[in-house]
Amino acid sequence: VAKDLGLELPALRDSGVRVVSEGRTQYFALLGKTGHLVTAERIDREQLCRLAEKCVLRCEVIVEGEM
């Protein structure tokens, strides 16, 4: 995420960047030391999408400070 936003790691931490998933469960997290987007929870496709052919999990990267 840091690379995609064109930010150095200290700037990423100082900008208040966070990842928000839809719903209550936050499936993704942003590692402050590396700037990598990782899974924060186990993702069970059968539970989330049931019989849907296409299963999509959406998340947003929010930057609170200036870029």
PDB file of N, CA and C in Angstrom:
ATOM      1  N   VAL A   1       0.835  -1.186   0.000  1.00  0.00           N
ATOM      2  CA  VAL A   1       0.000   0.000   0.000  1.00  0.00           C
ATOM      3  C   VAL A   1       0.880   1.249   0.000  1.00  0.00           C
ATOM      4  N   ALA A   2       1.958   1.209   0.791  1.00  0.00           N
ATOM      5  CA  ALA A   2       2.856   2.363   0.835  1.00  0.00           C
ATOM      6  C   ALA A   2       3.414   2.652  -0.554  1.00  0.00           C
ATOM      7  N   LYS A   3       3.827   1.618  -1.256  1.00  0.00           N
ATOM      8  CA  LYS A   3       4.378   1.782  -2.604  1.00  0.00           C
ATOM      9  C   LYS A   3       3.309   2.318  -3.560  1.00  0.00           C
ATOM     10  N   ASP A   4       2.095   1.770  -3.492  1.00  0.00           N
ATOM     11  CA  ASP A   4       1.009   2.207  -4.375  1.00  0.00           C
ATOM     12  C   ASP A   4       0.622   3.666  -4.139  1.00  0.00           C
ATOM     13  N   LEU A   5       0.708   4.117  -2.876  1.00  0.00           N
ATOM     14  CA  LEU A   5       0.373   5.507  -2.556  1.00  0.00           C
ATOM     15  C   LEU A   5       1.553   6.452  -2.756  1.00  0.00           C
ATOM     16  N   GLY A   6       2.720   5.873  -3.018  1.00  0.00           N
ATOM     17  CA  GLY A   6       3.914   6.700  -3.205  1.00  0.00           C
ATOM     18  C   GLY A   6       4.404   7.324  -1.909  1.00  0.00           C
ATOM     19  N   LEU A   7       4.216   6.603  -0.790  1.00  0.00           N
ATOM     20  CA  LEU A   7       4.616   7.109   0.522  1.00  0.00           C
ATOM     21  C   LEU A   7       5.753   6.275   1.099  1.00  0.00           C
ATOM     22  N   GLU A   8       6.637   6.930   1.834  1.00  0.00           N
ATOM     23  CA  GLU A   8       7.636   6.222   2.614  1.00  0.00           C
ATOM     24  C   GLU A   8       6.949   5.703   3.873  1.00  0.00           C
ATOM     25  N   LEU A   9       7.520   4.692   4.504  1.00  0.00           N
ATOM     26  CA  LEU A   9       6.872   4.091   5.675  1.00  0.00           C
ATOM     27  C   LEU A   9       6.597   5.085   6.806  1.00  0.00           C
ATOM     28  N   PRO A  10       7.533   5.982   7.180  1.00  0.00           N
ATOM     29  CA  PRO A  10       7.186   6.944   8.234  1.00  0.00           C
ATOM     30  C   PRO A  10       5.989   7.823   7.852  1.00  0.00           C
ATOM     31  N   ALA A  11       5.909   8.214   6.593  1.00  0.00           N
ATOM     32  CA  ALA A  11       4.782   9.038   6.133  1.00  0.00           C
ATOM     33  C   ALA A  11       3.481   8.250   6.176  1.00  0.00           C
ATOM     34  N   LEU A  12       3.565   6.953   5.905  1.00  0.00           N
ATOM     35  CA  LEU A  12       2.376   6.095   5.950  1.00  0.00           C
ATOM     36  C   LEU A  12       1.819   6.050   7.367  1.00  0.00           C
ATOM     37  N   ARG A  13       2.687   5.891   8.355  1.00  0.00           N
ATOM     38  CA  ARG A  13       2.246   5.854   9.754  1.00  0.00           C
ATOM     39  C   ARG A  13       1.725   7.215  10.199  1.00  0.00           C
ATOM     40  N   ASP A  14       2.403   8.288   9.798  1.00  0.00           N
ATOM     41  CA  ASP A  14       2.024   9.638  10.226  1.00  0.00           C
ATOM     42  C   ASP A  14       0.743  10.130   9.565  1.00  0.00           C
ATOM     43  N   SER A  15       0.373   9.555   8.424  1.00  0.00           N
ATOM     44  CA  SER A  15      -0.816   9.995   7.687  1.00  0.00           C
ATOM     45  C   SER A  15      -2.101   9.394   8.236  1.00  0.00           C
ATOM     46  N   GLY A  16      -2.012   8.508   9.200  1.00  0.00           N
ATOM     47  CA  GLY A  16      -3.204   7.873   9.752  1.00  0.00           C
ATOM     48  C   GLY A  16      -3.894   6.985   8.736  1.00  0.00           C
ATOM     49  N   VAL A  17      -3.097   6.257   7.942  1.00  0.00           N
ATOM     50  CA  VAL A  17      -3.664   5.363   6.930  1.00  0.00           C
ATOM     51  C   VAL A  17      -4.220   4.126   7.624  1.00  0.00           C
ATOM     52  N   ARG A  18      -5.438   3.744   7.245  1.00  0.00           N
ATOM     53  CA  ARG A  18      -6.047   2.537   7.799  1.00  0.00           C
ATOM     54  C   ARG A  18      -6.882   1.852   6.743  1.00  0.00           C
ATOM     55  N   VAL A  19      -7.151   0.589   6.968  1.00  0.00           N
ATOM     56  CA  VAL A  19      -7.937  -0.223   6.042  1.00  0.00           C
ATOM     57  C   VAL A  19      -9.255  -0.568   6.723  1.00  0.00           C
ATOM     58  N   VAL A  20     -10.358  -0.367   6.001  1.00  0.00           N
ATOM     59  CA  VAL A  20     -11.682  -0.641   6.546  1.00  0.00           C
ATOM     60  C   VAL A  20     -12.408  -1.591   5.603  1.00  0.00           C
ATOM     61  N   SER A  21     -12.911  -2.695   6.157  1.00  0.00           N
ATOM     62  CA  SER A  21     -13.692  -3.661   5.388  1.00  0.00           C
ATOM     63  C   SER A  21     -15.172  -3.390   5.577  1.00  0.00           C
ATOM     64  N   GLU A  22     -15.993  -3.862   4.644  1.00  0.00           N
ATOM     65  CA  GLU A  22     -17.442  -3.748   4.795  1.00  0.00           C
ATOM     66  C   GLU A  22     -17.886  -4.643   5.948  1.00  0.00           C
ATOM     67  N   GLY A  23     -18.889  -4.236   6.672  1.00  0.00           N
ATOM     68  CA  GLY A  23     -19.427  -5.057   7.751  1.00  0.00           C
ATOM     69  C   GLY A  23     -18.624  -4.913   9.030  1.00  0.00           C
ATOM     70  N   ARG A  24     -18.958  -5.755   9.998  1.00  0.00           N
ATOM     71  CA  ARG A  24     -18.324  -5.681  11.313  1.00  0.00           C
ATOM     72  C   ARG A  24     -16.938  -6.296  11.338  1.00  0.00           C
ATOM     73  N   THR A  25     -16.747  -7.387  10.630  1.00  0.00           N
ATOM     74  CA  THR A  25     -15.470  -8.084  10.655  1.00  0.00           C
ATOM     75  C   THR A  25     -14.469  -7.379   9.754  1.00  0.00           C
ATOM     76  N   GLN A  26     -13.321  -7.054  10.307  1.00  0.00           N
ATOM     77  CA  GLN A  26     -12.255  -6.417   9.543  1.00  0.00           C
ATOM     78  C   GLN A  26     -11.316  -7.521   9.049  1.00  0.00           C
ATOM     79  N   TYR A  27     -11.447  -7.864   7.774  1.00  0.00           N
ATOM     80  CA  TYR A  27     -10.694  -8.978   7.207  1.00  0.00           C
ATOM     81  C   TYR A  27      -9.272  -8.599   6.811  1.00  0.00           C
ATOM     82  N   PHE A  28      -8.986  -7.317   6.705  1.00  0.00           N
ATOM     83  CA  PHE A  28      -7.673  -6.881   6.242  1.00  0.00           C
ATOM     84  C   PHE A  28      -7.049  -5.922   7.242  1.00  0.00           C
ATOM     85  N   ALA A  29      -5.710  -5.895   7.241  1.00  0.00           N
ATOM     86  CA  ALA A  29      -4.964  -4.978   8.104  1.00  0.00           C
ATOM     87  C   ALA A  29      -3.772  -4.446   7.328  1.00  0.00           C
ATOM     88  N   LEU A  30      -3.261  -3.332   7.780  1.00  0.00           N
ATOM     89  CA  LEU A  30      -2.100  -2.714   7.164  1.00  0.00           C
ATOM     90  C   LEU A  30      -0.947  -2.800   8.160  1.00  0.00           C
ATOM     91  N   LEU A  31       0.148  -3.434   7.746  1.00  0.00           N
ATOM     92  CA  LEU A  31       1.304  -3.553   8.625  1.00  0.00           C
ATOM     93  C   LEU A  31       2.110  -2.264   8.579  1.00  0.00           C
ATOM     94  N   GLY A  32       2.224  -1.594   9.720  1.00  0.00           N
ATOM     95  CA  GLY A  32       2.918  -0.319   9.787  1.00  0.00           C
ATOM     96  C   GLY A  32       4.405  -0.417   9.487  1.00  0.00           C
ATOM     97  N   LYS A  33       5.038  -1.545   9.829  1.00  0.00           N
ATOM     98  CA  LYS A  33       6.478  -1.694   9.621  1.00  0.00           C
ATOM     99  C   LYS A  33       6.847  -1.906   8.162  1.00  0.00           C
ATOM    100  N   THR A  34       5.932  -2.514   7.398  1.00  0.00           N
ATOM    101  CA  THR A  34       6.247  -2.852   6.007  1.00  0.00           C
ATOM    102  C   THR A  34       5.367  -2.140   4.995  1.00  0.00           C
ATOM    103  N   GLY A  35       4.176  -1.694   5.414  1.00  0.00           N
ATOM    104  CA  GLY A  35       3.234  -1.087   4.482  1.00  0.00           C
ATOM    105  C   GLY A  35       2.463  -2.105   3.666  1.00  0.00           C
ATOM    106  N   HIS A  36       2.551  -3.385   4.044  1.00  0.00           N
ATOM    107  CA  HIS A  36       1.858  -4.448   3.315  1.00  0.00           C
ATOM    108  C   HIS A  36       0.419  -4.605   3.787  1.00  0.00           C
ATOM    109  N   LEU A  37      -0.461  -4.929   2.860  1.00  0.00           N
ATOM    110  CA  LEU A  37      -1.855  -5.247   3.155  1.00  0.00           C
ATOM    111  C   LEU A  37      -1.928  -6.747   3.396  1.00  0.00           C
ATOM    112  N   VAL A  38      -2.453  -7.168   4.555  1.00  0.00           N
ATOM    113  CA  VAL A  38      -2.510  -8.588   4.911  1.00  0.00           C
ATOM    114  C   VAL A  38      -3.913  -8.952   5.367  1.00  0.00           C
ATOM    115  N   THR A  39      -4.199 -10.237   5.401  1.00  0.00           N
ATOM    116  CA  THR A  39      -5.471 -10.689   5.952  1.00  0.00           C
ATOM    117  C   THR A  39      -5.361 -10.684   7.470  1.00  0.00           C
ATOM    118  N   ALA A  40      -6.376 -10.164   8.135  1.00  0.00           N
ATOM    119  CA  ALA A  40      -6.385 -10.058   9.588  1.00  0.00           C
ATOM    120  C   ALA A  40      -7.274 -11.118  10.226  1.00  0.00           C
ATOM    121  N   GLU A  41      -8.147 -11.688   9.447  1.00  0.00           N
ATOM    122  CA  GLU A  41      -9.083 -12.711   9.915  1.00  0.00           C
ATOM    123  C   GLU A  41      -9.141 -13.841   8.893  1.00  0.00           C
ATOM    124  N   ARG A  42      -9.553 -14.998   9.350  1.00  0.00           N
ATOM    125  CA  ARG A  42      -9.766 -16.130   8.445  1.00  0.00           C
ATOM    126  C   ARG A  42     -10.940 -15.783   7.533  1.00  0.00           C
ATOM    127  N   ILE A  43     -10.773 -16.020   6.236  1.00  0.00           N
ATOM    128  CA  ILE A  43     -11.821 -15.715   5.261  1.00  0.00           C
ATOM    129  C   ILE A  43     -12.434 -17.026   4.785  1.00  0.00           C
ATOM    130  N   ASP A  44     -13.697 -17.238   5.118  1.00  0.00           N
ATOM    131  CA  ASP A  44     -14.423 -18.455   4.759  1.00  0.00           C
ATOM    132  C   ASP A  44     -15.387 -18.130   3.627  1.00  0.00           C
ATOM    133  N   ARG A  45     -14.993 -18.510   2.416  1.00  0.00           N
ATOM    134  CA  ARG A  45     -15.799 -18.183   1.231  1.00  0.00           C
ATOM    135  C   ARG A  45     -17.216 -18.746   1.321  1.00  0.00           C
ATOM    136  N   GLU A  46     -17.356 -19.980   1.796  1.00  0.00           N
ATOM    137  CA  GLU A  46     -18.680 -20.608   1.876  1.00  0.00           C
ATOM    138  C   GLU A  46     -19.596 -19.837   2.829  1.00  0.00           C
ATOM    139  N   GLN A  47     -19.047 -19.333   3.902  1.00  0.00           N
ATOM    140  CA  GLN A  47     -19.852 -18.583   4.853  1.00  0.00           C
ATOM    141  C   GLN A  47     -20.204 -17.194   4.307  1.00  0.00           C
ATOM    142  N   LEU A  48     -19.277 -16.547   3.643  1.00  0.00           N
ATOM    143  CA  LEU A  48     -19.498 -15.189   3.157  1.00  0.00           C
ATOM    144  C   LEU A  48     -20.374 -15.123   1.913  1.00  0.00           C
ATOM    145  N   CYS A  49     -20.151 -16.023   0.972  1.00  0.00           N
ATOM    146  CA  CYS A  49     -20.802 -15.901  -0.332  1.00  0.00           C
ATOM    147  C   CYS A  49     -21.819 -16.994  -0.637  1.00  0.00           C
ATOM    148  N   ARG A  50     -21.869 -17.988   0.190  1.00  0.00           N
ATOM    149  CA  ARG A  50     -22.785 -19.115   0.020  1.00  0.00           C
ATOM    150  C   ARG A  50     -22.728 -19.678  -1.404  1.00  0.00           C
ATOM    151  N   LEU A  51     -23.784 -19.498  -2.187  1.00  0.00           N
ATOM    152  CA  LEU A  51     -23.859 -20.102  -3.518  1.00  0.00           C
ATOM    153  C   LEU A  51     -23.487 -19.138  -4.643  1.00  0.00           C
ATOM    154  N   ALA A  52     -23.025 -17.957  -4.301  1.00  0.00           N
ATOM    155  CA  ALA A  52     -22.672 -16.973  -5.333  1.00  0.00           C
ATOM    156  C   ALA A  52     -21.461 -17.458  -6.134  1.00  0.00           C
ATOM    157  N   GLU A  53     -21.556 -17.323  -7.443  1.00  0.00           N
ATOM    158  CA  GLU A  53     -20.457 -17.749  -8.308  1.00  0.00           C
ATOM    159  C   GLU A  53     -19.235 -16.848  -8.135  1.00  0.00           C
ATOM    160  N   LYS A  54     -19.481 -15.561  -7.991  1.00  0.00           N
ATOM    161  CA  LYS A  54     -18.398 -14.587  -7.851  1.00  0.00           C
ATOM    162  C   LYS A  54     -18.417 -14.045  -6.421  1.00  0.00           C
ATOM    163  N   CYS A  55     -17.313 -14.213  -5.707  1.00  0.00           N
ATOM    164  CA  CYS A  55     -17.220 -13.774  -4.319  1.00  0.00           C
ATOM    165  C   CYS A  55     -16.232 -12.607  -4.231  1.00  0.00           C
ATOM    166  N   VAL A  56     -16.703 -11.456  -3.775  1.00  0.00           N
ATOM    167  CA  VAL A  56     -15.868 -10.259  -3.710  1.00  0.00           C
ATOM    168  C   VAL A  56     -15.911  -9.691  -2.296  1.00  0.00           C
ATOM    169  N   LEU A  57     -14.745  -9.425  -1.732  1.00  0.00           N
ATOM    170  CA  LEU A  57     -14.631  -8.727  -0.453  1.00  0.00           C
ATOM    171  C   LEU A  57     -14.086  -7.342  -0.728  1.00  0.00           C
ATOM    172  N   ARG A  58     -14.785  -6.345  -0.305  1.00  0.00           N
ATOM    173  CA  ARG A  58     -14.353  -4.972  -0.562  1.00  0.00           C
ATOM    174  C   ARG A  58     -13.753  -4.370   0.708  1.00  0.00           C
ATOM    175  N   CYS A  59     -12.750  -3.543   0.500  1.00  0.00           N
ATOM    176  CA  CYS A  59     -12.179  -2.779   1.593  1.00  0.00           C
ATOM    177  C   CYS A  59     -11.742  -1.426   1.064  1.00  0.00           C
ATOM    178  N   GLU A  60     -11.588  -0.478   1.964  1.00  0.00           N
ATOM    179  CA  GLU A  60     -11.152   0.862   1.581  1.00  0.00           C
ATOM    180  C   GLU A  60      -9.899   1.213   2.362  1.00  0.00           C
ATOM    181  N   VAL A  61      -8.991   1.925   1.712  1.00  0.00           N
ATOM    182  CA  VAL A  61      -7.817   2.462   2.371  1.00  0.00           C
ATOM    183  C   VAL A  61      -8.121   3.941   2.622  1.00  0.00           C
ATOM    184  N   ILE A  62      -8.117   4.320   3.890  1.00  0.00           N
ATOM    185  CA  ILE A  62      -8.453   5.693   4.266  1.00  0.00           C
ATOM    186  C   ILE A  62      -7.183   6.395   4.737  1.00  0.00           C
ATOM    187  N   VAL A  63      -6.939   7.566   4.175  1.00  0.00           N
ATOM    188  CA  VAL A  63      -5.782   8.392   4.553  1.00  0.00           C
ATOM    189  C   VAL A  63      -6.324   9.635   5.236  1.00  0.00           C
ATOM    190  N   GLU A  64      -6.005   9.787   6.527  1.00  0.00           N
ATOM    191  CA  GLU A  64      -6.531  10.914   7.284  1.00  0.00           C
ATOM    192  C   GLU A  64      -5.718  12.192   7.081  1.00  0.00           C
ATOM    193  N   GLY A  65      -4.420  12.071   6.910  1.00  0.00           N
ATOM    194  CA  GLY A  65      -3.573  13.252   6.746  1.00  0.00           C
ATOM    195  C   GLY A  65      -3.446  13.643   5.287  1.00  0.00           C
ATOM    196  N   GLU A  66      -2.674  14.678   5.032  1.00  0.00           N
ATOM    197  CA  GLU A  66      -2.442  15.130   3.662  1.00  0.00           C
ATOM    198  C   GLU A  66      -1.461  14.201   2.974  1.00  0.00           C
ATOM    199  N   MET A  67      -1.614  14.077   1.666  1.00  0.00           N
ATOM    200  CA  MET A  67      -0.684  13.271   0.877  1.00  0.00           C
ATOM    201  C   MET A  67       0.098  14.174  -0.039  1.00  0.00           C
TER     202      MET A  67
END
